[in-house]
Amino acid sequence: MFNTRLVTALVLLAGCIAALFLLPTWLWAVLLLAVLAIAAWEWGVLAGFGNALRLGYALILVGS
């Protein structure tokens, strides 16, 4: 289990570093906005928000 998580972390880290240095600035920003939206949605699940409130929360975070 640990080895799987370690390999996953290393692959994601390599992809993140490659995207940071190789993508144009606007595309890097779009990628980070997508990650932020997914993280906000998941946080809404953990907080017990309903679907409408979760969507609103994610949109407010992405829009700010």
N, C-alpha and C. Protein backbone atom coordinates (compact mmCIF):
# COMPACT_ATOMS: atom_id res chain seq x y z
N MET A 1 0.83 -1.19 0.00
CA MET A 1 0.00 0.00 0.00
C MET A 1 0.87 1.26 0.00
N PHE A 2 1.89 1.26 0.85
CA PHE A 2 2.78 2.43 0.91
C PHE A 2 3.51 2.63 -0.41
N ASN A 3 3.96 1.54 -1.00
CA ASN A 3 4.69 1.65 -2.27
C ASN A 3 3.81 2.24 -3.37
N THR A 4 2.57 1.84 -3.40
CA THR A 4 1.63 2.37 -4.39
C THR A 4 1.45 3.88 -4.20
N ARG A 5 1.28 4.30 -2.96
CA ARG A 5 1.11 5.73 -2.70
C ARG A 5 2.37 6.52 -3.00
N LEU A 6 3.52 5.93 -2.72
CA LEU A 6 4.78 6.59 -3.01
C LEU A 6 4.98 6.77 -4.51
N VAL A 7 4.70 5.74 -5.28
CA VAL A 7 4.83 5.83 -6.74
C VAL A 7 3.84 6.85 -7.29
N THR A 8 2.62 6.85 -6.78
CA THR A 8 1.62 7.82 -7.22
C THR A 8 2.08 9.24 -6.93
N ALA A 9 2.60 9.46 -5.74
CA ALA A 9 3.08 10.80 -5.36
C ALA A 9 4.23 11.24 -6.26
N LEU A 10 5.14 10.34 -6.57
CA LEU A 10 6.27 10.69 -7.42
C LEU A 10 5.84 11.01 -8.84
N VAL A 11 4.88 10.25 -9.36
CA VAL A 11 4.37 10.51 -10.72
C VAL A 11 3.65 11.85 -10.76
N LEU A 12 2.81 12.11 -9.76
CA LEU A 12 2.10 13.40 -9.72
C LEU A 12 3.05 14.57 -9.54
N LEU A 13 4.07 14.40 -8.73
CA LEU A 13 5.06 15.45 -8.54
C LEU A 13 5.81 15.74 -9.84
N ALA A 14 6.20 14.69 -10.54
CA ALA A 14 6.89 14.88 -11.82
C ALA A 14 5.99 15.59 -12.82
N GLY A 15 4.73 15.20 -12.88
CA GLY A 15 3.78 15.86 -13.79
C GLY A 15 3.55 17.31 -13.43
N CYS A 16 3.48 17.60 -12.14
CA CYS A 16 3.26 18.98 -11.68
C CYS A 16 4.46 19.85 -12.02
N ILE A 17 5.65 19.36 -11.78
CA ILE A 17 6.85 20.13 -12.09
C ILE A 17 6.99 20.34 -13.60
N ALA A 18 6.70 19.31 -14.37
CA ALA A 18 6.77 19.44 -15.83
C ALA A 18 5.75 20.46 -16.32
N ALA A 19 4.53 20.41 -15.79
CA ALA A 19 3.50 21.36 -16.21
C ALA A 19 3.89 22.78 -15.81
N LEU A 20 4.47 22.94 -14.64
CA LEU A 20 4.87 24.26 -14.16
C LEU A 20 5.88 24.92 -15.09
N PHE A 21 6.84 24.14 -15.56
CA PHE A 21 7.90 24.71 -16.38
C PHE A 21 7.62 24.67 -17.88
N LEU A 22 6.75 23.78 -18.34
CA LEU A 22 6.56 23.62 -19.77
C LEU A 22 5.28 24.25 -20.32
N LEU A 23 4.27 24.40 -19.49
CA LEU A 23 3.01 24.98 -19.97
C LEU A 23 3.09 26.50 -20.02
N PRO A 24 2.36 27.10 -20.95
CA PRO A 24 2.25 28.56 -20.92
C PRO A 24 1.51 29.00 -19.65
N THR A 25 1.71 30.23 -19.27
CA THR A 25 1.15 30.73 -18.01
C THR A 25 -0.36 30.58 -17.96
N TRP A 26 -1.05 30.91 -19.04
CA TRP A 26 -2.51 30.86 -19.03
C TRP A 26 -3.02 29.43 -18.87
N LEU A 27 -2.32 28.47 -19.48
CA LEU A 27 -2.74 27.07 -19.36
C LEU A 27 -2.46 26.52 -17.96
N TRP A 28 -1.36 26.95 -17.36
CA TRP A 28 -1.05 26.57 -15.98
C TRP A 28 -2.14 27.09 -15.05
N ALA A 29 -2.60 28.33 -15.29
CA ALA A 29 -3.66 28.91 -14.47
C ALA A 29 -4.96 28.14 -14.63
N VAL A 30 -5.30 27.72 -15.84
CA VAL A 30 -6.51 26.93 -16.08
C VAL A 30 -6.42 25.59 -15.36
N LEU A 31 -5.27 24.96 -15.41
CA LEU A 31 -5.07 23.69 -14.72
C LEU A 31 -5.24 23.86 -13.21
N LEU A 32 -4.67 24.91 -12.65
CA LEU A 32 -4.81 25.15 -11.21
C LEU A 32 -6.25 25.47 -10.83
N LEU A 33 -6.97 26.17 -11.70
CA LEU A 33 -8.39 26.44 -11.42
C LEU A 33 -9.21 25.15 -11.39
N ALA A 34 -8.88 24.23 -12.28
CA ALA A 34 -9.58 22.95 -12.29
C ALA A 34 -9.29 22.17 -11.00
N VAL A 35 -8.04 22.18 -10.57
CA VAL A 35 -7.67 21.50 -9.32
C VAL A 35 -8.38 22.16 -8.14
N LEU A 36 -8.45 23.48 -8.13
CA LEU A 36 -9.13 24.21 -7.06
C LEU A 36 -10.62 23.87 -7.02
N ALA A 37 -11.24 23.78 -8.18
CA ALA A 37 -12.67 23.45 -8.24
C ALA A 37 -12.93 22.05 -7.71
N ILE A 38 -12.09 21.10 -8.08
CA ILE A 38 -12.25 19.72 -7.60
C ILE A 38 -12.03 19.66 -6.09
N ALA A 39 -11.02 20.37 -5.60
CA ALA A 39 -10.74 20.38 -4.16
C ALA A 39 -11.90 21.02 -3.39
N ALA A 40 -12.47 22.10 -3.91
CA ALA A 40 -13.60 22.75 -3.25
C ALA A 40 -14.82 21.83 -3.22
N TRP A 41 -15.05 21.12 -4.30
CA TRP A 41 -16.17 20.18 -4.35
C TRP A 41 -15.99 19.08 -3.31
N GLU A 42 -14.79 18.53 -3.22
CA GLU A 42 -14.52 17.46 -2.24
C GLU A 42 -14.62 17.98 -0.82
N TRP A 43 -14.16 19.21 -0.58
CA TRP A 43 -14.27 19.77 0.75
C TRP A 43 -15.74 19.96 1.12
N GLY A 44 -16.55 20.35 0.15
CA GLY A 44 -17.98 20.47 0.39
C GLY A 44 -18.61 19.15 0.79
N VAL A 45 -18.13 18.05 0.21
CA VAL A 45 -18.62 16.71 0.60
C VAL A 45 -18.25 16.44 2.06
N LEU A 46 -17.01 16.72 2.42
CA LEU A 46 -16.56 16.49 3.79
C LEU A 46 -17.30 17.36 4.79
N ALA A 47 -17.68 18.57 4.37
CA ALA A 47 -18.40 19.49 5.25
C ALA A 47 -19.88 19.16 5.35
N GLY A 48 -20.35 18.25 4.50
CA GLY A 48 -21.75 17.84 4.54
C GLY A 48 -22.68 18.78 3.78
N PHE A 49 -22.15 19.55 2.85
CA PHE A 49 -22.98 20.44 2.05
C PHE A 49 -23.82 19.63 1.07
N GLY A 50 -24.99 20.17 0.72
CA GLY A 50 -25.81 19.57 -0.32
C GLY A 50 -25.22 19.91 -1.68
N ASN A 51 -25.78 19.34 -2.73
CA ASN A 51 -25.23 19.55 -4.08
C ASN A 51 -25.23 21.01 -4.50
N ALA A 52 -26.33 21.72 -4.24
CA ALA A 52 -26.41 23.12 -4.66
C ALA A 52 -25.41 23.98 -3.89
N LEU A 53 -25.29 23.77 -2.61
CA LEU A 53 -24.35 24.54 -1.80
C LEU A 53 -22.90 24.22 -2.18
N ARG A 54 -22.65 22.94 -2.46
CA ARG A 54 -21.31 22.54 -2.89
C ARG A 54 -20.92 23.21 -4.20
N LEU A 55 -21.85 23.22 -5.14
CA LEU A 55 -21.59 23.86 -6.43
C LEU A 55 -21.37 25.36 -6.26
N GLY A 56 -22.20 25.99 -5.45
CA GLY A 56 -22.03 27.42 -5.17
C GLY A 56 -20.70 27.72 -4.52
N TYR A 57 -20.30 26.90 -3.58
CA TYR A 57 -19.03 27.09 -2.89
C TYR A 57 -17.87 26.95 -3.89
N ALA A 58 -17.90 25.95 -4.72
CA ALA A 58 -16.84 25.75 -5.71
C ALA A 58 -16.79 26.92 -6.69
N LEU A 59 -17.94 27.39 -7.14
CA LEU A 59 -17.97 28.51 -8.08
C LEU A 59 -17.46 29.80 -7.46
N ILE A 60 -17.79 30.02 -6.19
CA ILE A 60 -17.30 31.23 -5.50
C ILE A 60 -15.78 31.17 -5.36
N LEU A 61 -15.25 30.02 -5.01
CA LEU A 61 -13.80 29.91 -4.87
C LEU A 61 -13.10 30.09 -6.20
N VAL A 62 -13.61 29.48 -7.24
CA VAL A 62 -12.97 29.59 -8.55
C VAL A 62 -13.11 31.02 -9.08
N GLY A 63 -14.22 31.65 -8.82
CA GLY A 63 -14.45 33.01 -9.33
C GLY A 63 -13.72 34.09 -8.57
N SER A 64 -13.26 33.79 -7.38
CA SER A 64 -12.61 34.85 -6.59
C SER A 64 -11.14 34.98 -6.87
